[in-house]
Amino acid sequence: MTEQPDRPRTDPLHVFLSDAAERTLATLRPDELDVVEKLVERLSVHPRLGIPVPGGADPEVDDYTARTDPAAVTGDRISVIYRVHDHMGAVFITWIISGP
């Protein structure tokens, strides 16, 4: 079942982070961490919120990139690269990238 980005799921997906994403989370400032945590919460209900990334190797997995608004203090934007596994009921965040 493919969800539409504007239709929330009634059964939230589980969200998992890769080791690399976990390491990046540990380096974020509190305001950045808050933004990422809110985005992760939204992804569990709206997993196709991000921009589709074409060319994935697995036809049963959809790849996306979601970007936050620039932080007010630094102007940095945070990108969250993730995969939606419908058959597993999960979102797997592979990378979190912070920068200008």
PDB file of N, CA and C in Angstrom:
ATOM      1  N   MET A   1       0.836  -1.180   0.000  1.00  0.00           N
ATOM      2  CA  MET A   1       0.000   0.000   0.000  1.00  0.00           C
ATOM      3  C   MET A   1       0.875   1.235   0.000  1.00  0.00           C
ATOM      4  N   THR A   2       0.719   2.092  -0.989  1.00  0.00           N
ATOM      5  CA  THR A   2       1.499   3.309  -1.084  1.00  0.00           C
ATOM      6  C   THR A   2       0.698   4.465  -0.513  1.00  0.00           C
ATOM      7  N   GLU A   3       1.283   5.148   0.480  1.00  0.00           N
ATOM      8  CA  GLU A   3       0.625   6.286   1.102  1.00  0.00           C
ATOM      9  C   GLU A   3       0.912   7.545   0.306  1.00  0.00           C
ATOM     10  N   GLN A   4      -0.012   8.470   0.330  1.00  0.00           N
ATOM     11  CA  GLN A   4       0.171   9.776  -0.288  1.00  0.00           C
ATOM     12  C   GLN A   4       0.711  10.735   0.774  1.00  0.00           C
ATOM     13  N   PRO A   5       1.588  11.704   0.391  1.00  0.00           N
ATOM     14  CA  PRO A   5       2.183  12.600   1.374  1.00  0.00           C
ATOM     15  C   PRO A   5       1.170  13.447   2.132  1.00  0.00           C
ATOM     16  N   ASP A   6       0.023  13.735   1.527  1.00  0.00           N
ATOM     17  CA  ASP A   6      -0.956  14.598   2.181  1.00  0.00           C
ATOM     18  C   ASP A   6      -1.955  13.815   3.031  1.00  0.00           C
ATOM     19  N   ARG A   7      -1.824  12.500   3.058  1.00  0.00           N
ATOM     20  CA  ARG A   7      -2.735  11.675   3.848  1.00  0.00           C
ATOM     21  C   ARG A   7      -1.966  11.004   4.965  1.00  0.00           C
ATOM     22  N   PRO A   8      -2.257  11.358   6.225  1.00  0.00           N
ATOM     23  CA  PRO A   8      -1.528  10.734   7.328  1.00  0.00           C
ATOM     24  C   PRO A   8      -1.888   9.264   7.479  1.00  0.00           C
ATOM     25  N   ARG A   9      -0.927   8.514   7.941  1.00  0.00           N
ATOM     26  CA  ARG A   9      -1.153   7.095   8.217  1.00  0.00           C
ATOM     27  C   ARG A   9      -1.931   6.970   9.513  1.00  0.00           C
ATOM     28  N   THR A  10      -2.776   5.984   9.586  1.00  0.00           N
ATOM     29  CA  THR A  10      -3.491   5.732  10.831  1.00  0.00           C
ATOM     30  C   THR A  10      -2.663   4.836  11.749  1.00  0.00           C
ATOM     31  N   ASP A  11      -1.700   4.138  11.182  1.00  0.00           N
ATOM     32  CA  ASP A  11      -0.807   3.275  11.944  1.00  0.00           C
ATOM     33  C   ASP A  11       0.629   3.773  11.735  1.00  0.00           C
ATOM     34  N   PRO A  12       1.166   4.577  12.649  1.00  0.00           N
ATOM     35  CA  PRO A  12       2.502   5.152  12.452  1.00  0.00           C
ATOM     36  C   PRO A  12       3.563   4.079  12.210  1.00  0.00           C
ATOM     37  N   LEU A  13       4.502   4.411  11.339  1.00  0.00           N
ATOM     38  CA  LEU A  13       5.621   3.518  11.065  1.00  0.00           C
ATOM     39  C   LEU A  13       6.661   3.636  12.180  1.00  0.00           C
ATOM     40  N   HIS A  14       7.431   2.593  12.349  1.00  0.00           N
ATOM     41  CA  HIS A  14       8.562   2.642  13.264  1.00  0.00           C
ATOM     42  C   HIS A  14       9.697   3.362  12.543  1.00  0.00           C
ATOM     43  N   VAL A  15      10.439   4.184  13.267  1.00  0.00           N
ATOM     44  CA  VAL A  15      11.557   4.919  12.677  1.00  0.00           C
ATOM     45  C   VAL A  15      12.851   4.428  13.319  1.00  0.00           C
ATOM     46  N   PHE A  16      13.798   4.039  12.461  1.00  0.00           N
ATOM     47  CA  PHE A  16      15.097   3.561  12.909  1.00  0.00           C
ATOM     48  C   PHE A  16      16.181   4.453  12.333  1.00  0.00           C
ATOM     49  N   LEU A  17      17.271   4.609  13.064  1.00  0.00           N
ATOM     50  CA  LEU A  17      18.395   5.419  12.605  1.00  0.00           C
ATOM     51  C   LEU A  17      19.627   4.546  12.426  1.00  0.00           C
ATOM     52  N   SER A  18      20.370   4.825  11.368  1.00  0.00           N
ATOM     53  CA  SER A  18      21.640   4.125  11.160  1.00  0.00           C
ATOM     54  C   SER A  18      22.641   4.611  12.193  1.00  0.00           C
ATOM     55  N   ASP A  19      23.745   3.895  12.328  1.00  0.00           N
ATOM     56  CA  ASP A  19      24.808   4.324  13.242  1.00  0.00           C
ATOM     57  C   ASP A  19      25.328   5.704  12.856  1.00  0.00           C
ATOM     58  N   ALA A  20      25.463   5.954  11.559  1.00  0.00           N
ATOM     59  CA  ALA A  20      25.947   7.258  11.090  1.00  0.00           C
ATOM     60  C   ALA A  20      24.977   8.371  11.478  1.00  0.00           C
ATOM     61  N   ALA A  21      23.680   8.119  11.336  1.00  0.00           N
ATOM     62  CA  ALA A  21      22.675   9.118  11.717  1.00  0.00           C
ATOM     63  C   ALA A  21      22.702   9.370  13.220  1.00  0.00           C
ATOM     64  N   GLU A  22      22.867   8.317  14.000  1.00  0.00           N
ATOM     65  CA  GLU A  22      22.966   8.462  15.463  1.00  0.00           C
ATOM     66  C   GLU A  22      24.175   9.324  15.843  1.00  0.00           C
ATOM     67  N   ARG A  23      25.307   9.103  15.177  1.00  0.00           N
ATOM     68  CA  ARG A  23      26.512   9.898  15.474  1.00  0.00           C
ATOM     69  C   ARG A  23      26.283  11.370  15.155  1.00  0.00           C
ATOM     70  N   THR A  24      25.612  11.639  14.049  1.00  0.00           N
ATOM     71  CA  THR A  24      25.342  13.027  13.686  1.00  0.00           C
ATOM     72  C   THR A  24      24.402  13.675  14.689  1.00  0.00           C
ATOM     73  N   LEU A  25      23.387  12.949  15.133  1.00  0.00           N
ATOM     74  CA  LEU A  25      22.469  13.493  16.144  1.00  0.00           C
ATOM     75  C   LEU A  25      23.218  13.956  17.382  1.00  0.00           C
ATOM     76  N   ALA A  26      24.231  13.202  17.763  1.00  0.00           N
ATOM     77  CA  ALA A  26      25.004  13.532  18.967  1.00  0.00           C
ATOM     78  C   ALA A  26      25.787  14.835  18.813  1.00  0.00           C
ATOM     79  N   THR A  27      26.010  15.292  17.582  1.00  0.00           N
ATOM     80  CA  THR A  27      26.789  16.511  17.364  1.00  0.00           C
ATOM     81  C   THR A  27      25.922  17.749  17.154  1.00  0.00           C
ATOM     82  N   LEU A  28      24.609  17.566  17.049  1.00  0.00           N
ATOM     83  CA  LEU A  28      23.722  18.701  16.783  1.00  0.00           C
ATOM     84  C   LEU A  28      23.520  19.552  18.028  1.00  0.00           C
ATOM     85  N   ARG A  29      23.341  20.851  17.794  1.00  0.00           N
ATOM     86  CA  ARG A  29      23.000  21.771  18.883  1.00  0.00           C
ATOM     87  C   ARG A  29      21.561  21.481  19.317  1.00  0.00           C
ATOM     88  N   PRO A  30      21.178  21.887  20.527  1.00  0.00           N
ATOM     89  CA  PRO A  30      19.824  21.594  21.027  1.00  0.00           C
ATOM     90  C   PRO A  30      18.703  22.060  20.091  1.00  0.00           C
ATOM     91  N   ASP A  31      18.833  23.250  19.494  1.00  0.00           N
ATOM     92  CA  ASP A  31      17.775  23.721  18.598  1.00  0.00           C
ATOM     93  C   ASP A  31      17.700  22.882  17.332  1.00  0.00           C
ATOM     94  N   GLU A  32      18.857  22.436  16.820  1.00  0.00           N
ATOM     95  CA  GLU A  32      18.882  21.571  15.641  1.00  0.00           C
ATOM     96  C   GLU A  32      18.294  20.205  15.969  1.00  0.00           C
ATOM     97  N   LEU A  33      18.657  19.687  17.125  1.00  0.00           N
ATOM     98  CA  LEU A  33      18.147  18.387  17.559  1.00  0.00           C
ATOM     99  C   LEU A  33      16.627  18.417  17.680  1.00  0.00           C
ATOM    100  N   ASP A  34      16.094  19.507  18.216  1.00  0.00           N
ATOM    101  CA  ASP A  34      14.638  19.648  18.347  1.00  0.00           C
ATOM    102  C   ASP A  34      13.962  19.600  16.983  1.00  0.00           C
ATOM    103  N   VAL A  35      14.533  20.283  16.002  1.00  0.00           N
ATOM    104  CA  VAL A  35      13.964  20.302  14.651  1.00  0.00           C
ATOM    105  C   VAL A  35      13.982  18.903  14.041  1.00  0.00           C
ATOM    106  N   VAL A  36      15.089  18.195  14.199  1.00  0.00           N
ATOM    107  CA  VAL A  36      15.200  16.840  13.639  1.00  0.00           C
ATOM    108  C   VAL A  36      14.219  15.896  14.331  1.00  0.00           C
ATOM    109  N   GLU A  37      14.098  15.993  15.648  1.00  0.00           N
ATOM    110  CA  GLU A  37      13.169  15.122  16.361  1.00  0.00           C
ATOM    111  C   GLU A  37      11.732  15.348  15.897  1.00  0.00           C
ATOM    112  N   LYS A  38      11.349  16.602  15.671  1.00  0.00           N
ATOM    113  CA  LYS A  38      10.004  16.894  15.172  1.00  0.00           C
ATOM    114  C   LYS A  38       9.807  16.338  13.759  1.00  0.00           C
ATOM    115  N   LEU A  39      10.840  16.447  12.933  1.00  0.00           N
ATOM    116  CA  LEU A  39      10.756  15.900  11.583  1.00  0.00           C
ATOM    117  C   LEU A  39      10.593  14.380  11.626  1.00  0.00           C
ATOM    118  N   VAL A  40      11.339  13.717  12.486  1.00  0.00           N
ATOM    119  CA  VAL A  40      11.249  12.256  12.614  1.00  0.00           C
ATOM    120  C   VAL A  40       9.839  11.854  13.051  1.00  0.00           C
ATOM    121  N   GLU A  41       9.246  12.599  13.978  1.00  0.00           N
ATOM    122  CA  GLU A  41       7.873  12.312  14.395  1.00  0.00           C
ATOM    123  C   GLU A  41       6.912  12.419  13.218  1.00  0.00           C
ATOM    124  N   ARG A  42       7.091  13.446  12.398  1.00  0.00           N
ATOM    125  CA  ARG A  42       6.217  13.628  11.234  1.00  0.00           C
ATOM    126  C   ARG A  42       6.402  12.501  10.227  1.00  0.00           C
ATOM    127  N   LEU A  43       7.649  12.043  10.052  1.00  0.00           N
ATOM    128  CA  LEU A  43       7.913  10.979   9.078  1.00  0.00           C
ATOM    129  C   LEU A  43       7.224   9.668   9.461  1.00  0.00           C
ATOM    130  N   SER A  44       7.023   9.441  10.740  1.00  0.00           N
ATOM    131  CA  SER A  44       6.352   8.201  11.148  1.00  0.00           C
ATOM    132  C   SER A  44       4.897   8.183  10.693  1.00  0.00           C
ATOM    133  N   VAL A  45       4.304   9.365  10.502  1.00  0.00           N
ATOM    134  CA  VAL A  45       2.911   9.466  10.090  1.00  0.00           C
ATOM    135  C   VAL A  45       2.786   9.843   8.610  1.00  0.00           C
ATOM    136  N   HIS A  46       3.719  10.653   8.123  1.00  0.00           N
ATOM    137  CA  HIS A  46       3.755  11.104   6.725  1.00  0.00           C
ATOM    138  C   HIS A  46       5.084  10.664   6.110  1.00  0.00           C
ATOM    139  N   PRO A  47       5.287   9.381   5.869  1.00  0.00           N
ATOM    140  CA  PRO A  47       6.601   8.907   5.445  1.00  0.00           C
ATOM    141  C   PRO A  47       7.067   9.424   4.085  1.00  0.00           C
ATOM    142  N   ARG A  48       6.154   9.865   3.262  1.00  0.00           N
ATOM    143  CA  ARG A  48       6.546  10.359   1.940  1.00  0.00           C
ATOM    144  C   ARG A  48       6.544  11.879   1.878  1.00  0.00           C
ATOM    145  N   LEU A  49       6.867  12.468   2.999  1.00  0.00           N
ATOM    146  CA  LEU A  49       6.919  13.912   3.131  1.00  0.00           C
ATOM    147  C   LEU A  49       8.082  14.511   2.342  1.00  0.00           C
ATOM    148  N   GLY A  50       9.166  13.781   2.220  1.00  0.00           N
ATOM    149  CA  GLY A  50      10.373  14.280   1.572  1.00  0.00           C
ATOM    150  C   GLY A  50      10.311  14.276   0.058  1.00  0.00           C
ATOM    151  N   ILE A  51      11.430  14.625  -0.532  1.00  0.00           N
ATOM    152  CA  ILE A  51      11.593  14.650  -1.979  1.00  0.00           C
ATOM    153  C   ILE A  51      12.028  13.254  -2.425  1.00  0.00           C
ATOM    154  N   PRO A  52      11.308  12.625  -3.354  1.00  0.00           N
ATOM    155  CA  PRO A  52      11.712  11.290  -3.808  1.00  0.00           C
ATOM    156  C   PRO A  52      13.098  11.312  -4.454  1.00  0.00           C
ATOM    157  N   VAL A  53      13.862  10.282  -4.168  1.00  0.00           N
ATOM    158  CA  VAL A  53      15.188  10.113  -4.774  1.00  0.00           C
ATOM    159  C   VAL A  53      15.081   8.928  -5.730  1.00  0.00           C
ATOM    160  N   PRO A  54      15.179   9.185  -7.036  1.00  0.00           N
ATOM    161  CA  PRO A  54      15.017   8.099  -8.005  1.00  0.00           C
ATOM    162  C   PRO A  54      16.234   7.176  -8.050  1.00  0.00           C
ATOM    163  N   GLY A  55      16.000   6.002  -8.601  1.00  0.00           N
ATOM    164  CA  GLY A  55      17.105   5.097  -8.892  1.00  0.00           C
ATOM    165  C   GLY A  55      17.505   4.155  -7.789  1.00  0.00           C
ATOM    166  N   GLY A  56      16.627   3.911  -6.818  1.00  0.00           N
ATOM    167  CA  GLY A  56      16.963   2.975  -5.758  1.00  0.00           C
ATOM    168  C   GLY A  56      17.129   1.563  -6.285  1.00  0.00           C
ATOM    169  N   ALA A  57      17.946   0.783  -5.617  1.00  0.00           N
ATOM    170  CA  ALA A  57      18.233  -0.571  -6.068  1.00  0.00           C
ATOM    171  C   ALA A  57      17.121  -1.559  -5.730  1.00  0.00           C
ATOM    172  N   ASP A  58      16.345  -1.271  -4.709  1.00  0.00           N
ATOM    173  CA  ASP A  58      15.306  -2.197  -4.260  1.00  0.00           C
ATOM    174  C   ASP A  58      13.936  -1.650  -4.676  1.00  0.00           C
ATOM    175  N   PRO A  59      13.197  -2.360  -5.531  1.00  0.00           N
ATOM    176  CA  PRO A  59      11.902  -1.853  -5.992  1.00  0.00           C
ATOM    177  C   PRO A  59      10.836  -1.776  -4.891  1.00  0.00           C
ATOM    178  N   GLU A  60      11.046  -2.450  -3.768  1.00  0.00           N
ATOM    179  CA  GLU A  60      10.075  -2.425  -2.680  1.00  0.00           C
ATOM    180  C   GLU A  60      10.383  -1.352  -1.640  1.00  0.00           C
ATOM    181  N   VAL A  61      11.418  -0.553  -1.882  1.00  0.00           N
ATOM    182  CA  VAL A  61      11.839   0.468  -0.936  1.00  0.00           C
ATOM    183  C   VAL A  61      11.882   1.807  -1.667  1.00  0.00           C
ATOM    184  N   ASP A  62      11.317   2.833  -1.053  1.00  0.00           N
ATOM    185  CA  ASP A  62      11.331   4.174  -1.631  1.00  0.00           C
ATOM    186  C   ASP A  62      12.310   5.047  -0.861  1.00  0.00           C
ATOM    187  N   ASP A  63      13.168   5.764  -1.598  1.00  0.00           N
ATOM    188  CA  ASP A  63      14.170   6.647  -0.995  1.00  0.00           C
ATOM    189  C   ASP A  63      13.711   8.093  -1.064  1.00  0.00           C
ATOM    190  N   TYR A  64      13.994   8.853   0.013  1.00  0.00           N
ATOM    191  CA  TYR A  64      13.582  10.246   0.103  1.00  0.00           C
ATOM    192  C   TYR A  64      14.646  11.087   0.804  1.00  0.00           C
ATOM    193  N   THR A  65      14.564  12.402   0.556  1.00  0.00           N
ATOM    194  CA  THR A  65      15.348  13.386   1.295  1.00  0.00           C
ATOM    195  C   THR A  65      14.372  14.420   1.824  1.00  0.00           C
ATOM    196  N   ALA A  66      14.454  14.698   3.124  1.00  0.00           N
ATOM    197  CA  ALA A  66      13.641  15.756   3.730  1.00  0.00           C
ATOM    198  C   ALA A  66      14.605  16.812   4.252  1.00  0.00           C
ATOM    199  N   ARG A  67      14.268  18.074   4.030  1.00  0.00           N
ATOM    200  CA  ARG A  67      15.144  19.162   4.466  1.00  0.00           C
ATOM    201  C   ARG A  67      14.387  20.066   5.422  1.00  0.00           C
ATOM    202  N   THR A  68      15.104  20.533   6.446  1.00  0.00           N
ATOM    203  CA  THR A  68      14.519  21.473   7.387  1.00  0.00           C
ATOM    204  C   THR A  68      14.757  22.893   6.891  1.00  0.00           C
ATOM    205  N   ASP A  69      14.049  23.833   7.474  1.00  0.00           N
ATOM    206  CA  ASP A  69      14.310  25.235   7.186  1.00  0.00           C
ATOM    207  C   ASP A  69      15.643  25.618   7.823  1.00  0.00           C
ATOM    208  N   PRO A  70      16.339  26.608   7.245  1.00  0.00           N
ATOM    209  CA  PRO A  70      17.607  27.039   7.850  1.00  0.00           C
ATOM    210  C   PRO A  70      17.400  27.493   9.295  1.00  0.00           C
ATOM    211  N   ALA A  71      18.354  27.137  10.142  1.00  0.00           N
ATOM    212  CA  ALA A  71      18.294  27.558  11.541  1.00  0.00           C
ATOM    213  C   ALA A  71      18.432  29.079  11.618  1.00  0.00           C
ATOM    214  N   ALA A  72      17.691  29.686  12.515  1.00  0.00           N
ATOM    215  CA  ALA A  72      17.691  31.143  12.632  1.00  0.00           C
ATOM    216  C   ALA A  72      19.074  31.695  12.990  1.00  0.00           C
ATOM    217  N   VAL A  73      19.830  30.988  13.794  1.00  0.00           N
ATOM    218  CA  VAL A  73      21.119  31.485  14.265  1.00  0.00           C
ATOM    219  C   VAL A  73      22.219  31.288  13.230  1.00  0.00           C
ATOM    220  N   THR A  74      22.313  30.102  12.653  1.00  0.00           N
ATOM    221  CA  THR A  74      23.437  29.775  11.777  1.00  0.00           C
ATOM    222  C   THR A  74      23.100  29.813  10.300  1.00  0.00           C
ATOM    223  N   GLY A  75      21.848  29.712   9.955  1.00  0.00           N
ATOM    224  CA  GLY A  75      21.463  29.630   8.555  1.00  0.00           C
ATOM    225  C   GLY A  75      21.673  28.252   7.970  1.00  0.00           C
ATOM    226  N   ASP A  76      22.069  27.292   8.816  1.00  0.00           N
ATOM    227  CA  ASP A  76      22.295  25.925   8.348  1.00  0.00           C
ATOM    228  C   ASP A  76      20.973  25.218   8.111  1.00  0.00           C
ATOM    229  N   ARG A  77      21.006  24.316   7.179  1.00  0.00           N
ATOM    230  CA  ARG A  77      19.853  23.471   6.871  1.00  0.00           C
ATOM    231  C   ARG A  77      20.259  22.039   7.201  1.00  0.00           C
ATOM    232  N   ILE A  78      19.304  21.246   7.633  1.00  0.00           N
ATOM    233  CA  ILE A  78      19.571  19.843   7.951  1.00  0.00           C
ATOM    234  C   ILE A  78      18.802  18.992   6.955  1.00  0.00           C
ATOM    235  N   SER A  79      19.509  18.060   6.329  1.00  0.00           N
ATOM    236  CA  SER A  79      18.896  17.117   5.399  1.00  0.00           C
ATOM    237  C   SER A  79      18.844  15.747   6.057  1.00  0.00           C
ATOM    238  N   VAL A  80      17.711  15.095   5.915  1.00  0.00           N
ATOM    239  CA  VAL A  80      17.524  13.747   6.447  1.00  0.00           C
ATOM    240  C   VAL A  80      17.253  12.839   5.250  1.00  0.00           C
ATOM    241  N   ILE A  81      18.151  11.886   5.041  1.00  0.00           N
ATOM    242  CA  ILE A  81      18.024  10.944   3.930  1.00  0.00           C
ATOM    243  C   ILE A  81      17.480   9.640   4.521  1.00  0.00           C
ATOM    244  N   TYR A  82      16.393   9.147   3.942  1.00  0.00           N
ATOM    245  CA  TYR A  82      15.752   7.980   4.543  1.00  0.00           C
ATOM    246  C   TYR A  82      15.096   7.101   3.493  1.00  0.00           C
ATOM    247  N   ARG A  83      14.754   5.897   3.936  1.00  0.00           N
ATOM    248  CA  ARG A  83      14.085   4.904   3.097  1.00  0.00           C
ATOM    249  C   ARG A  83      12.793   4.479   3.778  1.00  0.00           C
ATOM    250  N   VAL A  84      11.753   4.304   2.978  1.00  0.00           N
ATOM    251  CA  VAL A  84      10.465   3.833   3.494  1.00  0.00           C
ATOM    252  C   VAL A  84      10.314   2.370   3.103  1.00  0.00           C
ATOM    253  N   HIS A  85      10.145   1.522   4.110  1.00  0.00           N
ATOM    254  CA  HIS A  85       9.949   0.083   3.912  1.00  0.00           C
ATOM    255  C   HIS A  85       8.497  -0.228   4.283  1.00  0.00           C
ATOM    256  N   ASP A  86       7.594  -0.115   3.329  1.00  0.00           N
ATOM    257  CA  ASP A  86       6.180  -0.365   3.609  1.00  0.00           C
ATOM    258  C   ASP A  86       5.944  -1.771   4.137  1.00  0.00           C
ATOM    259  N   HIS A  87       6.565  -2.757   3.502  1.00  0.00           N
ATOM    260  CA  HIS A  87       6.317  -4.146   3.898  1.00  0.00           C
ATOM    261  C   HIS A  87       6.804  -4.448   5.312  1.00  0.00           C
ATOM    262  N   MET A  88       7.744  -3.637   5.821  1.00  0.00           N
ATOM    263  CA  MET A  88       8.238  -3.804   7.190  1.00  0.00           C
ATOM    264  C   MET A  88       7.580  -2.818   8.152  1.00  0.00           C
ATOM    265  N   GLY A  89       6.814  -1.869   7.618  1.00  0.00           N
ATOM    266  CA  GLY A  89       6.185  -0.859   8.469  1.00  0.00           C
ATOM    267  C   GLY A  89       7.207   0.033   9.134  1.00  0.00           C
ATOM    268  N   ALA A  90       8.242   0.445   8.353  1.00  0.00           N
ATOM    269  CA  ALA A  90       9.335   1.191   8.966  1.00  0.00           C
ATOM    270  C   ALA A  90       9.921   2.253   8.045  1.00  0.00           C
ATOM    271  N   VAL A  91      10.496   3.263   8.687  1.00  0.00           N
ATOM    272  CA  VAL A  91      11.307   4.277   8.033  1.00  0.00           C
ATOM    273  C   VAL A  91      12.716   4.096   8.574  1.00  0.00           C
ATOM    274  N   PHE A  92      13.694   4.043   7.677  1.00  0.00           N
ATOM    275  CA  PHE A  92      15.093   3.871   8.090  1.00  0.00           C
ATOM    276  C   PHE A  92      15.869   5.109   7.672  1.00  0.00           C
ATOM    277  N   ILE A  93      16.303   5.890   8.639  1.00  0.00           N
ATOM    278  CA  ILE A  93      17.073   7.099   8.368  1.00  0.00           C
ATOM    279  C   ILE A  93      18.533   6.701   8.214  1.00  0.00           C
ATOM    280  N   THR A  94      19.074   6.913   7.028  1.00  0.00           N
ATOM    281  CA  THR A  94      20.450   6.497   6.759  1.00  0.00           C
ATOM    282  C   THR A  94      21.461   7.592   7.049  1.00  0.00           C
ATOM    283  N   TRP A  95      21.104   8.847   6.746  1.00  0.00           N
ATOM    284  CA  TRP A  95      22.037   9.955   6.934  1.00  0.00           C
ATOM    285  C   TRP A  95      21.299  11.183   7.470  1.00  0.00           C
ATOM    286  N   ILE A  96      21.987  11.939   8.298  1.00  0.00           N
ATOM    287  CA  ILE A  96      21.537  13.267   8.708  1.00  0.00           C
ATOM    288  C   ILE A  96      22.718  14.178   8.412  1.00  0.00           C
ATOM    289  N   ILE A  97      22.482  15.193   7.572  1.00  0.00           N
ATOM    290  CA  ILE A  97      23.555  16.080   7.129  1.00  0.00           C
ATOM    291  C   ILE A  97      23.193  17.499   7.516  1.00  0.00           C
ATOM    292  N   SER A  98      24.114  18.183   8.193  1.00  0.00           N
ATOM    293  CA  SER A  98      23.889  19.551   8.604  1.00  0.00           C
ATOM    294  C   SER A  98      24.917  20.454   7.952  1.00  0.00           C
ATOM    295  N   GLY A  99      24.457  21.589   7.426  1.00  0.00           N
ATOM    296  CA  GLY A  99      25.390  22.515   6.812  1.00  0.00           C
ATOM    297  C   GLY A  99      24.677  23.651   6.107  1.00  0.00           C
ATOM    298  N   PRO A 100      25.453  24.548   5.527  1.00  0.00           N
ATOM    299  CA  PRO A 100      24.859  25.706   4.849  1.00  0.00           C
ATOM    300  C   PRO A 100      24.105  25.332   3.589  1.00  0.00           C
TER     301      PRO A 100
END
